[in-house]
Amino acid sequence: MESTRGTVAELVAAGWGDHRPGLWFEDRALTHHEVTAGAAARAALLAELLPPAAEPHVGVLLDNTPEFPLWLSAAALAGAAIAGINPTRRGSELARDILHTECRILVTERTHLPLLTGLDLPGVRLLTTGTEAYDALLAPYADARPDASRSTPADRLLLYFTSGSTGAPKAALCSQGRLAAAGRSLAKQFAVVADDVHYVCMPMFHGNAVIADWAPALAAGAGVALRRRFSASGFLTDVRRFRATYFTYVGRAVQYLLATEERPDDRDHPLRLGFGTEAGGVDAAAFERRFGVRLVEGYGSSEGGAAIQWTPGTPAGAVGPAAPGLAVLDPETGEECPRAVFDGAGRLLNGDEAIGELVNRGPNPFEGYWRHPEADAERLRDGRYWTGDLFYRDDDGFLYFAGRTDDRLRVDSENLAAAMIENILARYEGADTVAVYAVPDPVTGDQVMATIAGRFDPVAFTAFLRAQPDLGTKMAPRFVRVVRRIPVTATNKIHRARLRKEGLRCTDPVWWRPPGEERTRLAIVIVRRQGLEPRTR
């Protein structure tokens, strides 16, 4: 039965009296009732610990342990908000995230205490889970009951950091009403029922795990199984152990799963659906062939300003149909981009003019960033929500993802989308993973650089480039860096900011196509430490 509850607090309180198993972690299992009781105790503790005049913000620096959803639930009951703190951040950057979101309480665990050593965090009270002191703080509230009446749909519940590739990460806001609505919508879309088990293996400090995995489970009264950190080798073992039926993924996670050794029992599991982004059509098809699980690629801007839902009949490679208000606009003119033109093999022929920024010209639930008016203004212009993501649209109105606006390259005055070049280079037989990005050039503006993880043969790669009919004259990479493994962020997305920053200044082999020579000639670059001019060896 579809939930109509308007707050996350109401969804949490609904678990009271439900003695079915509802939360699994390693060798532990809690019932829905125990989860709700634990949340109520922590909510009562918050009422005592939060200063009256302070923002009711709680930082959570945890792996995916039961304490994370317990504190999310507690914050909902208390009318407080959770700031997910990324444990891969260090030093002043980590301190900045905690202080910027005005966290008066920071919940962490013993394994993360070294990250906080030497940090100046004035006014922040530290709670360390799994300690006697922590248990003693909670003990007086063991009999607390959940009270959802203190919360409203407008109450702030999440401050979750978005990409910091172009500066310090921004904390996007999400209210109880928006999160509850997202949970209900996804539960309905994927027919989630109370007997389902959602496997949360993506980090819960990131919006994907909370909005797309935890929230629909909460809305449907389904169970949740936690993995401390994502593990490709442990994935199927966990799925079978917890009887998981649904999971979410981000970035390279699907590729990591496909890279594990194939086994005869790869289809022996209860999993029926995976939902996420950036798997790509080729990997999604391979995943379904091997594991018998359909992957649904979805799109929703982290800030909530635009969303695309997959529907039956969506063409291969497309995300879904454009909902009313969604348009692909030229970011320079604000005009709508021409529709995409494809060849007989489905390859995009007019990417330069068809690719633009996805914009929501209708109503949207964007709630802004925490204390960042400049970023708010960048997203909302003339009443339109600009997503910062590149798309193109076909004649039937279906939308195709083409990367981030940060990933746009400009070579000889021609605009190129990195994702389009990546899709072409991904056809190269030796490539396990491909990342394309710009390196500066004083003459052309940008040069195309690609990093390839896998087997690389310059002769075969040269022949491959020649054979691609949709590889435009400016799209062939000038530089190719060869690595054993692509660097990724904590959420398994390609670490493009790091690749761009390193450019040619790296210790990996880099192949170079010198200007003025035939397009297909590649040579090893030797980068001078005092400059960036390469030469062949």
Protein backbone atom coordinates (compact mmCIF):
# COMPACT_ATOMS: atom_id res chain seq x y z
CA MET A 1 0.00 0.00 0.00
CA GLU A 2 1.40 3.39 -1.00
CA SER A 3 2.39 5.63 1.87
CA THR A 4 0.87 9.11 2.03
CA ARG A 5 2.89 10.32 5.00
CA GLY A 6 4.29 13.80 4.42
CA THR A 7 7.36 13.69 6.67
CA VAL A 8 10.23 11.30 7.16
CA ALA A 9 9.43 11.44 10.88
CA GLU A 10 6.04 9.84 10.21
CA LEU A 11 7.68 7.11 8.12
CA VAL A 12 10.15 6.43 10.96
CA ALA A 13 7.42 6.35 13.60
CA ALA A 14 5.45 3.82 11.53
CA GLY A 15 8.05 1.18 12.45
CA TRP A 16 6.98 1.23 16.10
CA GLY A 17 5.44 -2.14 16.96
CA ASP A 18 6.68 -3.81 13.76
CA HIS A 19 8.77 -6.72 14.97
CA ARG A 20 9.85 -8.00 11.58
CA PRO A 21 13.61 -7.87 10.89
CA GLY A 22 14.32 -4.51 9.29
CA LEU A 23 18.03 -3.65 9.47
CA TRP A 24 20.94 -5.99 8.82
CA PHE A 25 24.64 -5.29 9.28
CA GLU A 26 27.34 -7.95 9.36
CA ASP A 27 26.19 -10.43 12.05
CA ARG A 28 23.57 -8.12 13.57
CA ALA A 29 19.88 -7.74 12.84
CA LEU A 30 17.44 -5.19 14.27
CA THR A 31 13.67 -5.22 13.92
CA HIS A 32 11.80 -2.21 12.56
CA HIS A 33 10.61 -1.59 16.12
CA GLU A 34 14.17 -1.62 17.47
CA VAL A 35 15.26 0.84 14.77
CA THR A 36 12.42 3.19 15.66
CA ALA A 37 13.14 2.85 19.38
CA GLY A 38 16.83 3.59 18.79
CA ALA A 39 15.90 6.64 16.72
CA ALA A 40 13.55 7.87 19.45
CA ALA A 41 16.31 7.56 22.07
CA ARG A 42 18.75 9.53 19.92
CA ALA A 43 16.11 12.15 19.15
CA ALA A 44 15.55 12.65 22.89
CA LEU A 45 19.30 12.97 23.40
CA LEU A 46 19.47 15.59 20.66
CA ALA A 47 16.82 17.66 22.41
CA GLU A 48 19.14 17.82 25.41
CA LEU A 49 22.44 18.36 23.62
CA LEU A 50 21.63 20.89 20.91
CA PRO A 51 22.08 24.51 22.05
CA PRO A 52 18.75 26.39 21.89
CA ALA A 53 20.00 29.19 19.62
CA ALA A 54 22.10 27.00 17.32
CA GLU A 55 21.18 25.52 13.97
CA PRO A 56 19.98 21.95 14.69
CA HIS A 57 22.70 20.36 12.58
CA VAL A 58 24.41 17.06 13.34
CA GLY A 59 27.51 15.98 11.42
CA VAL A 60 27.80 12.24 10.78
CA LEU A 61 31.30 10.96 10.05
CA LEU A 62 30.58 7.24 9.81
CA ASP A 63 30.87 4.30 7.48
CA ASN A 64 27.64 2.51 6.57
CA THR A 65 26.95 1.18 10.06
CA PRO A 66 23.52 0.98 11.76
CA GLU A 67 24.29 4.25 13.53
CA PHE A 68 23.97 6.15 10.24
CA PRO A 69 20.29 5.36 9.53
CA LEU A 70 19.56 5.59 13.26
CA TRP A 71 20.81 9.18 13.33
CA LEU A 72 18.98 10.03 10.09
CA SER A 73 15.79 8.75 11.69
CA ALA A 74 16.55 10.53 14.97
CA ALA A 75 17.10 13.85 13.21
CA ALA A 76 13.75 13.45 11.45
CA LEU A 77 11.94 12.88 14.75
CA ALA A 78 13.78 15.78 16.42
CA GLY A 79 13.28 18.28 13.60
CA ALA A 80 17.05 18.41 13.15
CA ALA A 81 19.27 17.95 10.08
CA ILE A 82 22.10 15.59 9.20
CA ALA A 83 25.25 16.70 7.38
CA GLY A 84 26.97 13.68 5.86
CA ILE A 85 30.72 14.16 6.28
CA ASN A 86 32.97 12.53 3.68
CA PRO A 87 35.68 10.44 5.41
CA THR A 88 38.01 10.76 2.42
CA ARG A 89 38.42 14.48 3.14
CA ARG A 90 41.44 15.48 5.20
CA GLY A 91 42.79 18.25 7.40
CA SER A 92 41.52 21.76 6.81
CA GLU A 93 39.09 20.55 4.11
CA LEU A 94 37.45 18.16 6.55
CA ALA A 95 37.26 20.86 9.23
CA ARG A 96 35.80 23.26 6.68
CA ASP A 97 32.94 20.85 5.85
CA ILE A 98 32.03 20.43 9.52
CA LEU A 99 32.24 24.12 10.38
CA HIS A 100 30.58 25.35 7.19
CA THR A 101 27.46 23.32 7.93
CA GLU A 102 27.46 24.64 11.52
CA CYS A 103 27.39 21.20 13.12
CA ARG A 104 27.11 21.47 16.88
CA ILE A 105 27.40 17.69 17.27
CA LEU A 106 29.66 15.35 15.33
CA VAL A 107 28.90 11.63 15.49
CA THR A 108 31.82 9.43 14.53
CA GLU A 109 33.44 6.06 15.31
CA ARG A 110 36.82 4.95 16.61
CA THR A 111 38.22 4.19 13.14
CA HIS A 112 37.72 7.81 12.07
CA LEU A 113 39.07 9.51 15.20
CA PRO A 114 42.58 9.90 13.67
CA LEU A 115 41.03 12.09 10.94
CA LEU A 116 40.05 14.61 13.61
CA THR A 117 43.42 14.77 15.35
CA GLY A 118 44.72 18.32 15.39
CA LEU A 119 41.60 19.89 13.85
CA ASP A 120 40.28 23.10 15.37
CA LEU A 121 36.52 22.53 15.71
CA PRO A 122 35.26 25.17 18.16
CA GLY A 123 31.80 24.58 19.56
CA VAL A 124 31.53 21.03 18.14
CA ARG A 125 30.69 18.24 20.59
CA LEU A 126 32.08 14.83 19.61
CA LEU A 127 30.09 11.62 20.12
CA THR A 128 32.01 8.40 19.46
CA THR A 129 29.78 5.40 18.82
CA GLY A 130 30.61 2.02 20.31
CA THR A 131 32.11 3.48 23.49
CA GLU A 132 30.98 3.29 27.11
CA ALA A 133 30.57 7.07 27.23
CA TYR A 134 28.26 6.96 24.21
CA ASP A 135 26.15 4.16 25.68
CA ALA A 136 25.92 6.05 28.97
CA LEU A 137 24.60 9.14 27.17
CA LEU A 138 21.82 7.12 25.52
CA ALA A 139 20.89 4.99 28.53
CA PRO A 140 18.49 7.52 30.18
CA TYR A 141 16.42 7.65 26.97
CA ALA A 142 16.03 3.91 26.41
CA ASP A 143 12.25 4.11 26.98
CA ALA A 144 11.67 7.08 24.65
CA ARG A 145 8.79 6.75 22.19
CA PRO A 146 8.74 8.27 18.70
CA ASP A 147 6.82 11.53 18.35
CA ALA A 148 6.45 12.65 14.74
CA SER A 149 4.31 15.67 15.63
CA ARG A 150 7.39 17.91 16.15
CA SER A 151 8.33 17.73 12.45
CA THR A 152 6.86 19.35 9.35
CA PRO A 153 7.45 18.70 5.63
CA ALA A 154 9.37 21.98 5.41
CA ASP A 155 11.89 21.04 8.10
CA ARG A 156 15.46 20.76 6.84
CA LEU A 157 16.68 17.15 7.10
CA LEU A 158 19.76 16.75 4.89
CA LEU A 159 22.81 18.83 4.07
CA TYR A 160 24.71 16.70 1.59
CA PHE A 161 27.80 17.79 -0.23
CA THR A 162 27.90 17.90 -4.01
CA SER A 163 30.99 17.74 -6.19
CA GLY A 164 33.87 20.00 -5.29
CA SER A 165 35.63 19.75 -8.67
CA THR A 166 35.41 23.50 -9.24
CA GLY A 167 35.88 24.65 -5.66
CA ALA A 168 34.89 23.68 -2.15
CA PRO A 169 31.96 21.24 -2.06
CA LYS A 170 28.54 22.85 -1.67
CA ALA A 171 26.00 21.54 0.84
CA ALA A 172 22.68 20.98 -0.92
CA LEU A 173 19.55 21.15 1.21
CA CYS A 174 16.77 18.59 1.37
CA SER A 175 13.65 18.89 3.47
CA GLN A 176 11.64 16.13 5.11
CA GLY A 177 8.85 16.65 2.63
CA ARG A 178 11.10 16.31 -0.41
CA LEU A 179 12.86 13.21 0.91
CA ALA A 180 9.57 11.54 1.88
CA ALA A 181 8.11 12.35 -1.56
CA ALA A 182 11.20 10.96 -3.30
CA GLY A 183 10.95 7.77 -1.27
CA ARG A 184 7.27 7.32 -2.09
CA SER A 185 7.85 8.02 -5.78
CA LEU A 186 10.69 5.50 -6.14
CA ALA A 187 8.84 2.88 -4.08
CA LYS A 188 5.89 3.22 -6.46
CA GLN A 189 8.05 3.29 -9.61
CA PHE A 190 9.89 0.09 -8.67
CA ALA A 191 6.97 -1.63 -6.92
CA VAL A 192 8.84 -1.87 -3.60
CA VAL A 193 6.93 -3.89 -0.98
CA ALA A 194 7.43 -4.55 2.71
CA ASP A 195 9.09 -7.91 2.04
CA ASP A 196 11.85 -6.34 -0.08
CA VAL A 197 15.37 -5.79 1.25
CA HIS A 198 17.38 -2.82 -0.01
CA TYR A 199 21.14 -3.36 -0.09
CA VAL A 200 22.92 -0.10 0.78
CA CYS A 201 26.53 -0.44 -0.36
CA MET A 202 27.05 3.13 -1.64
CA PRO A 203 28.26 5.58 1.04
CA MET A 204 25.45 7.11 3.06
CA PHE A 205 27.16 10.49 3.30
CA HIS A 206 26.19 10.83 -0.39
CA GLY A 207 22.67 11.66 -1.57
CA ASN A 208 22.34 8.56 -3.77
CA ALA A 209 22.29 6.04 -0.92
CA VAL A 210 19.90 8.07 1.24
CA ILE A 211 17.48 9.34 -1.41
CA ALA A 212 17.42 6.41 -3.85
CA ASP A 213 17.98 3.44 -1.50
CA TRP A 214 17.13 4.18 2.14
CA ALA A 215 14.14 6.50 1.52
CA PRO A 216 12.10 4.14 -0.73
CA ALA A 217 12.71 1.29 1.71
CA LEU A 218 11.48 3.49 4.55
CA ALA A 219 8.41 4.57 2.55
CA ALA A 220 7.44 0.95 1.78
CA GLY A 221 8.32 -0.49 5.18
CA ALA A 222 11.00 -2.63 3.52
CA GLY A 223 14.20 -3.84 5.11
CA VAL A 224 17.68 -2.35 4.73
CA ALA A 225 20.98 -4.25 4.65
CA LEU A 226 24.17 -2.25 5.11
CA ARG A 227 27.69 -2.78 3.80
CA ARG A 228 30.32 -0.75 5.66
CA ARG A 229 32.02 0.09 2.36
CA PHE A 230 31.42 -1.07 -1.19
CA SER A 231 33.12 -4.34 -2.09
CA ALA A 232 32.84 -5.90 -5.54
CA SER A 233 34.11 -9.27 -4.29
CA GLY A 234 31.67 -9.28 -1.36
CA PHE A 235 28.64 -8.07 -3.32
CA LEU A 236 26.95 -11.36 -4.22
CA THR A 237 27.79 -12.90 -0.86
CA ASP A 238 25.98 -10.04 0.87
CA VAL A 239 23.04 -10.13 -1.53
CA ARG A 240 22.49 -13.84 -0.85
CA ARG A 241 23.09 -13.52 2.89
CA PHE A 242 20.62 -10.67 3.36
CA ARG A 243 18.17 -11.81 0.65
CA ALA A 244 18.53 -8.39 -0.98
CA THR A 245 16.20 -7.56 -3.86
CA TYR A 246 17.25 -3.99 -4.79
CA PHE A 247 20.41 -1.91 -4.77
CA THR A 248 21.69 1.41 -6.04
CA TYR A 249 25.00 2.20 -7.69
CA VAL A 250 27.01 5.22 -8.78
CA GLY A 251 29.95 5.63 -11.12
CA ARG A 252 32.29 2.69 -11.68
CA ALA A 253 30.61 0.25 -9.26
CA VAL A 254 29.01 -1.80 -12.03
CA GLN A 255 32.32 -2.10 -13.87
CA TYR A 256 33.98 -3.34 -10.69
CA LEU A 257 31.29 -6.01 -10.33
CA LEU A 258 31.72 -7.09 -13.95
CA ALA A 259 35.48 -7.33 -13.40
CA THR A 260 35.08 -10.03 -10.74
CA GLU A 261 35.68 -13.63 -11.77
CA GLU A 262 32.65 -15.22 -13.43
CA ARG A 263 31.07 -18.18 -11.65
CA PRO A 264 28.41 -20.72 -12.67
CA ASP A 265 26.13 -19.50 -9.86
CA ASP A 266 26.25 -15.79 -10.77
CA ARG A 267 22.47 -15.84 -11.27
CA ASP A 268 21.74 -17.65 -8.02
CA HIS A 269 20.43 -14.76 -5.90
CA PRO A 270 17.17 -12.89 -5.13
CA LEU A 271 18.25 -9.55 -6.62
CA ARG A 272 15.76 -8.18 -9.15
CA LEU A 273 16.75 -4.57 -9.80
CA GLY A 274 19.61 -2.10 -9.69
CA PHE A 275 19.03 1.65 -9.96
CA GLY A 276 21.73 4.25 -10.51
CA THR A 277 23.77 6.38 -12.87
CA GLU A 278 26.79 6.14 -15.15
CA ALA A 279 26.76 2.39 -15.80
CA GLY A 280 26.39 2.93 -19.55
CA GLY A 281 24.40 0.83 -22.00
CA VAL A 282 27.18 -1.65 -22.74
CA ASP A 283 27.86 -2.43 -19.07
CA ALA A 284 24.15 -2.54 -18.20
CA ALA A 285 23.56 -5.14 -20.92
CA ALA A 286 26.58 -7.16 -19.77
CA PHE A 287 25.35 -7.01 -16.17
CA GLU A 288 21.92 -8.33 -17.12
CA ARG A 289 23.40 -11.12 -19.25
CA ARG A 290 25.70 -12.27 -16.47
CA PHE A 291 23.65 -11.72 -13.31
CA GLY A 292 20.11 -11.71 -14.70
CA VAL A 293 19.44 -8.32 -13.09
CA ARG A 294 18.01 -5.34 -14.93
CA LEU A 295 19.75 -2.04 -14.31
CA VAL A 296 17.65 1.10 -14.60
CA GLU A 297 19.62 4.24 -15.35
CA GLY A 298 17.95 7.24 -13.81
CA TYR A 299 18.72 10.91 -13.55
CA GLY A 300 18.01 13.33 -10.77
CA SER A 301 20.08 16.39 -10.03
CA SER A 302 21.56 16.17 -6.55
CA GLU A 303 19.78 19.37 -5.62
CA GLY A 304 16.36 18.13 -6.72
CA GLY A 305 15.80 20.68 -9.47
CA ALA A 306 15.21 18.19 -12.30
CA ALA A 307 14.55 14.49 -12.71
CA ILE A 308 14.07 12.04 -15.57
CA GLN A 309 12.27 8.74 -15.06
CA TRP A 310 12.85 5.73 -17.26
CA THR A 311 9.67 4.41 -18.89
CA PRO A 312 8.96 1.33 -21.03
CA GLY A 313 9.93 2.04 -24.62
CA THR A 314 12.92 4.21 -23.70
CA PRO A 315 15.56 3.65 -26.44
CA ALA A 316 18.88 2.04 -25.60
CA GLY A 317 21.28 4.69 -24.34
CA ALA A 318 18.55 7.14 -23.37
CA VAL A 319 17.71 8.02 -19.76
CA GLY A 320 14.00 8.59 -20.34
CA PRO A 321 11.45 10.99 -21.81
CA ALA A 322 11.56 14.71 -21.12
CA ALA A 323 8.96 15.65 -18.54
CA PRO A 324 7.05 18.91 -19.02
CA GLY A 325 9.36 21.86 -18.49
CA LEU A 326 12.60 20.06 -19.31
CA ALA A 327 14.58 21.38 -22.27
CA VAL A 328 18.09 21.20 -23.68
CA LEU A 329 19.38 24.76 -24.05
CA ASP A 330 22.51 26.35 -25.43
CA PRO A 331 24.18 27.75 -22.28
CA GLU A 332 25.50 30.76 -24.19
CA THR A 333 22.33 31.85 -26.02
CA GLY A 334 19.63 30.27 -23.88
CA GLU A 335 18.00 28.94 -27.04
CA GLU A 336 16.81 25.36 -27.40
CA CYS A 337 19.31 23.08 -29.12
CA PRO A 338 18.41 21.24 -32.34
CA ARG A 339 17.24 17.66 -31.99
CA ALA A 340 19.83 14.90 -32.25
CA VAL A 341 20.55 13.26 -35.60
CA PHE A 342 21.71 9.62 -35.63
CA ASP A 343 23.18 7.37 -38.29
CA GLY A 344 21.90 3.88 -38.99
CA ALA A 345 23.98 2.44 -36.14
CA GLY A 346 22.54 4.90 -33.63
CA ARG A 347 25.63 7.12 -33.47
CA LEU A 348 25.14 10.83 -32.81
CA LEU A 349 26.11 12.89 -35.85
CA ASN A 350 25.48 16.47 -34.72
CA GLY A 351 26.79 16.52 -31.17
CA ASP A 352 28.32 19.99 -31.51
CA GLU A 353 24.91 21.63 -31.95
CA ALA A 354 22.59 19.07 -30.29
CA ILE A 355 24.33 18.88 -26.91
CA GLY A 356 23.38 21.53 -24.41
CA GLU A 357 22.56 21.99 -20.74
CA LEU A 358 19.45 20.39 -19.27
CA VAL A 359 17.20 23.13 -17.92
CA ASN A 360 13.93 22.89 -16.02
CA ARG A 361 11.71 25.75 -17.16
CA GLY A 362 8.80 24.62 -14.98
CA PRO A 363 8.23 24.31 -11.24
CA ASN A 364 10.98 22.52 -9.35
CA PRO A 365 11.72 21.54 -5.73
CA PHE A 366 15.24 23.02 -5.60
CA GLU A 367 15.80 24.11 -1.99
CA GLY A 368 19.17 25.80 -2.39
CA TYR A 369 22.60 25.39 -0.86
CA TRP A 370 23.61 26.08 2.71
CA ARG A 371 24.89 29.65 2.95
CA HIS A 372 25.98 29.86 -0.68
CA PRO A 373 23.91 32.53 -2.51
CA GLU A 374 26.32 32.62 -5.46
CA ALA A 375 25.74 28.93 -6.12
CA ASP A 376 21.98 29.43 -5.73
CA ALA A 377 22.07 32.16 -8.34
CA GLU A 378 24.10 29.96 -10.70
CA ARG A 379 21.43 27.26 -10.53
CA LEU A 380 18.38 29.52 -10.69
CA ARG A 381 18.51 32.03 -13.54
CA ASP A 382 15.48 33.87 -14.86
CA GLY A 383 13.23 31.47 -13.00
CA ARG A 384 14.83 28.44 -14.69
CA TYR A 385 16.79 25.70 -12.99
CA TRP A 386 20.09 25.00 -14.80
CA THR A 387 21.28 21.51 -13.87
CA GLY A 388 24.93 21.82 -14.86
CA ASP A 389 24.54 18.58 -16.84
CA LEU A 390 24.81 18.09 -20.59
CA PHE A 391 22.14 16.24 -22.56
CA TYR A 392 20.77 15.87 -26.07
CA ARG A 393 17.21 15.10 -27.14
CA ASP A 394 15.90 12.99 -30.01
CA ASP A 395 12.86 13.64 -32.22
CA ASP A 396 10.66 11.57 -29.93
CA GLY A 397 11.57 13.61 -26.86
CA PHE A 398 13.89 11.11 -25.19
CA LEU A 399 16.88 12.54 -23.33
CA TYR A 400 20.46 11.24 -23.45
CA PHE A 401 23.12 12.12 -20.86
CA ALA A 402 26.31 13.69 -22.27
CA GLY A 403 28.30 14.62 -19.15
CA ARG A 404 28.79 17.60 -16.86
CA THR A 405 29.15 21.14 -18.10
CA ASP A 406 32.54 21.07 -16.37
CA ASP A 407 33.45 18.27 -18.81
CA ARG A 408 32.82 20.33 -21.93
CA LEU A 409 35.92 20.92 -24.05
CA ARG A 410 36.49 23.71 -26.55
CA VAL A 411 38.96 22.78 -29.30
CA ASP A 412 39.58 25.24 -32.14
CA SER A 413 36.34 27.08 -31.22
CA GLU A 414 34.33 23.84 -31.39
CA ASN A 415 32.44 22.68 -28.29
CA LEU A 416 32.82 18.99 -27.44
CA ALA A 417 31.29 16.87 -24.68
CA ALA A 418 33.71 14.57 -22.90
CA ALA A 419 31.04 11.91 -22.39
CA MET A 420 30.46 11.62 -26.14
CA ILE A 421 34.15 11.02 -26.81
CA GLU A 422 34.26 8.54 -23.92
CA ASN A 423 31.37 6.57 -25.43
CA ILE A 424 33.33 6.24 -28.68
CA LEU A 425 36.65 5.32 -27.04
CA ALA A 426 34.86 2.76 -24.84
CA ARG A 427 34.43 0.66 -28.00
CA TYR A 428 38.19 0.09 -28.08
CA GLU A 429 38.66 -3.57 -27.24
CA GLY A 430 41.47 -3.04 -24.75
CA ALA A 431 39.72 -0.35 -22.69
CA ASP A 432 38.25 -1.32 -19.34
CA THR A 433 37.55 2.28 -18.34
CA VAL A 434 37.96 5.57 -20.22
CA ALA A 435 38.02 9.18 -18.98
CA VAL A 436 38.24 12.16 -21.33
CA TYR A 437 39.05 15.70 -20.23
CA ALA A 438 40.70 18.90 -21.42
CA VAL A 439 44.30 19.99 -21.04
CA PRO A 440 45.10 23.63 -21.83
CA ASP A 441 46.67 24.64 -25.11
CA PRO A 442 47.72 28.26 -25.81
CA VAL A 443 46.70 28.00 -29.49
CA THR A 444 43.59 25.82 -29.65
CA GLY A 445 42.18 26.58 -26.19
CA ASP A 446 41.88 22.93 -25.15
CA GLN A 447 43.40 19.68 -26.24
CA VAL A 448 41.64 16.37 -25.79
CA MET A 449 43.33 14.03 -23.34
CA ALA A 450 42.13 10.51 -22.54
CA THR A 451 43.09 8.21 -19.71
CA ILE A 452 42.59 4.53 -20.46
CA ALA A 453 42.69 1.68 -17.96
CA GLY A 454 43.28 -1.67 -19.62
CA ARG A 455 45.37 -3.01 -22.47
CA PHE A 456 46.76 -0.39 -24.84
CA ASP A 457 48.44 -1.00 -28.18
CA PRO A 458 49.24 2.19 -30.12
CA VAL A 459 48.98 0.55 -33.54
CA ALA A 460 45.64 -1.07 -32.77
CA PHE A 461 44.38 2.15 -31.17
CA THR A 462 45.39 4.15 -34.24
CA ALA A 463 43.46 1.75 -36.48
CA PHE A 464 40.52 1.90 -34.10
CA LEU A 465 40.37 5.71 -34.27
CA ARG A 466 40.40 5.63 -38.06
CA ALA A 467 37.48 3.21 -38.10
CA GLN A 468 35.07 5.28 -35.97
CA PRO A 469 32.66 7.11 -38.28
CA ASP A 470 31.32 9.37 -35.53
CA LEU A 471 34.72 10.53 -34.25
CA GLY A 472 34.81 14.16 -35.33
CA THR A 473 37.94 15.84 -36.59
CA LYS A 474 38.51 17.61 -33.27
CA MET A 475 37.55 14.67 -31.04
CA ALA A 476 40.51 12.31 -31.45
CA PRO A 477 42.67 12.54 -28.31
CA ARG A 478 45.97 14.36 -28.65
CA PHE A 479 47.23 12.66 -25.48
CA VAL A 480 46.47 9.20 -24.10
CA ARG A 481 47.51 8.32 -20.55
CA VAL A 482 47.62 4.60 -19.77
CA VAL A 483 46.92 3.47 -16.19
CA ARG A 484 46.25 0.23 -14.37
CA ARG A 485 43.17 1.69 -12.71
CA ILE A 486 41.29 4.95 -13.14
CA PRO A 487 41.32 7.09 -9.96
CA VAL A 488 37.85 7.45 -8.46
CA THR A 489 36.19 9.51 -5.75
CA ALA A 490 34.69 8.13 -2.55
CA THR A 491 31.44 7.57 -4.45
CA ASN A 492 33.14 5.55 -7.22
CA LYS A 493 32.89 8.32 -9.78
CA ILE A 494 35.87 9.03 -12.02
CA HIS A 495 38.08 11.58 -10.27
CA ARG A 496 38.14 14.01 -13.20
CA ALA A 497 39.34 16.95 -11.12
CA ARG A 498 42.46 14.98 -10.18
CA LEU A 499 43.10 13.88 -13.78
CA ARG A 500 42.69 17.44 -15.07
CA LYS A 501 44.98 18.78 -12.37
CA GLU A 502 47.71 16.23 -13.12
CA GLY A 503 47.40 16.67 -16.88
CA LEU A 504 50.70 15.63 -18.45
CA ARG A 505 52.52 15.86 -15.13
CA CYS A 506 52.19 12.22 -14.24
CA THR A 507 54.42 9.17 -13.93
CA ASP A 508 52.21 6.95 -16.12
CA PRO A 509 53.04 6.42 -19.81
CA VAL A 510 51.42 9.05 -22.02
CA TRP A 511 51.09 8.70 -25.78
CA TRP A 512 51.22 11.82 -27.94
CA ARG A 513 50.06 12.75 -31.42
CA PRO A 514 52.30 15.69 -32.43
CA PRO A 515 50.71 18.70 -34.17
CA GLY A 516 51.10 18.76 -37.93
CA GLU A 517 51.66 15.04 -38.22
CA GLU A 518 49.19 12.44 -39.38
CA ARG A 519 46.30 11.99 -37.03
CA THR A 520 47.11 8.36 -36.40
CA ARG A 521 50.72 8.67 -35.26
CA LEU A 522 51.15 8.31 -31.50
CA ALA A 523 54.41 8.50 -29.56
CA ILE A 524 55.40 8.17 -25.90
CA VAL A 525 55.56 11.48 -24.12
CA ILE A 526 58.46 12.36 -21.85
CA VAL A 527 57.28 15.31 -19.77
CA ARG A 528 59.91 17.79 -18.70
CA ARG A 529 59.60 18.63 -15.05
CA GLN A 530 60.15 22.33 -15.79
CA GLY A 531 57.50 22.52 -18.49
CA LEU A 532 54.77 20.71 -20.38
CA GLU A 533 56.32 20.37 -23.81
CA PRO A 534 56.42 16.69 -24.70
CA ARG A 535 58.87 15.02 -27.01
CA THR A 536 58.99 11.55 -28.46
CA ARG A 537 61.30 8.92 -27.16
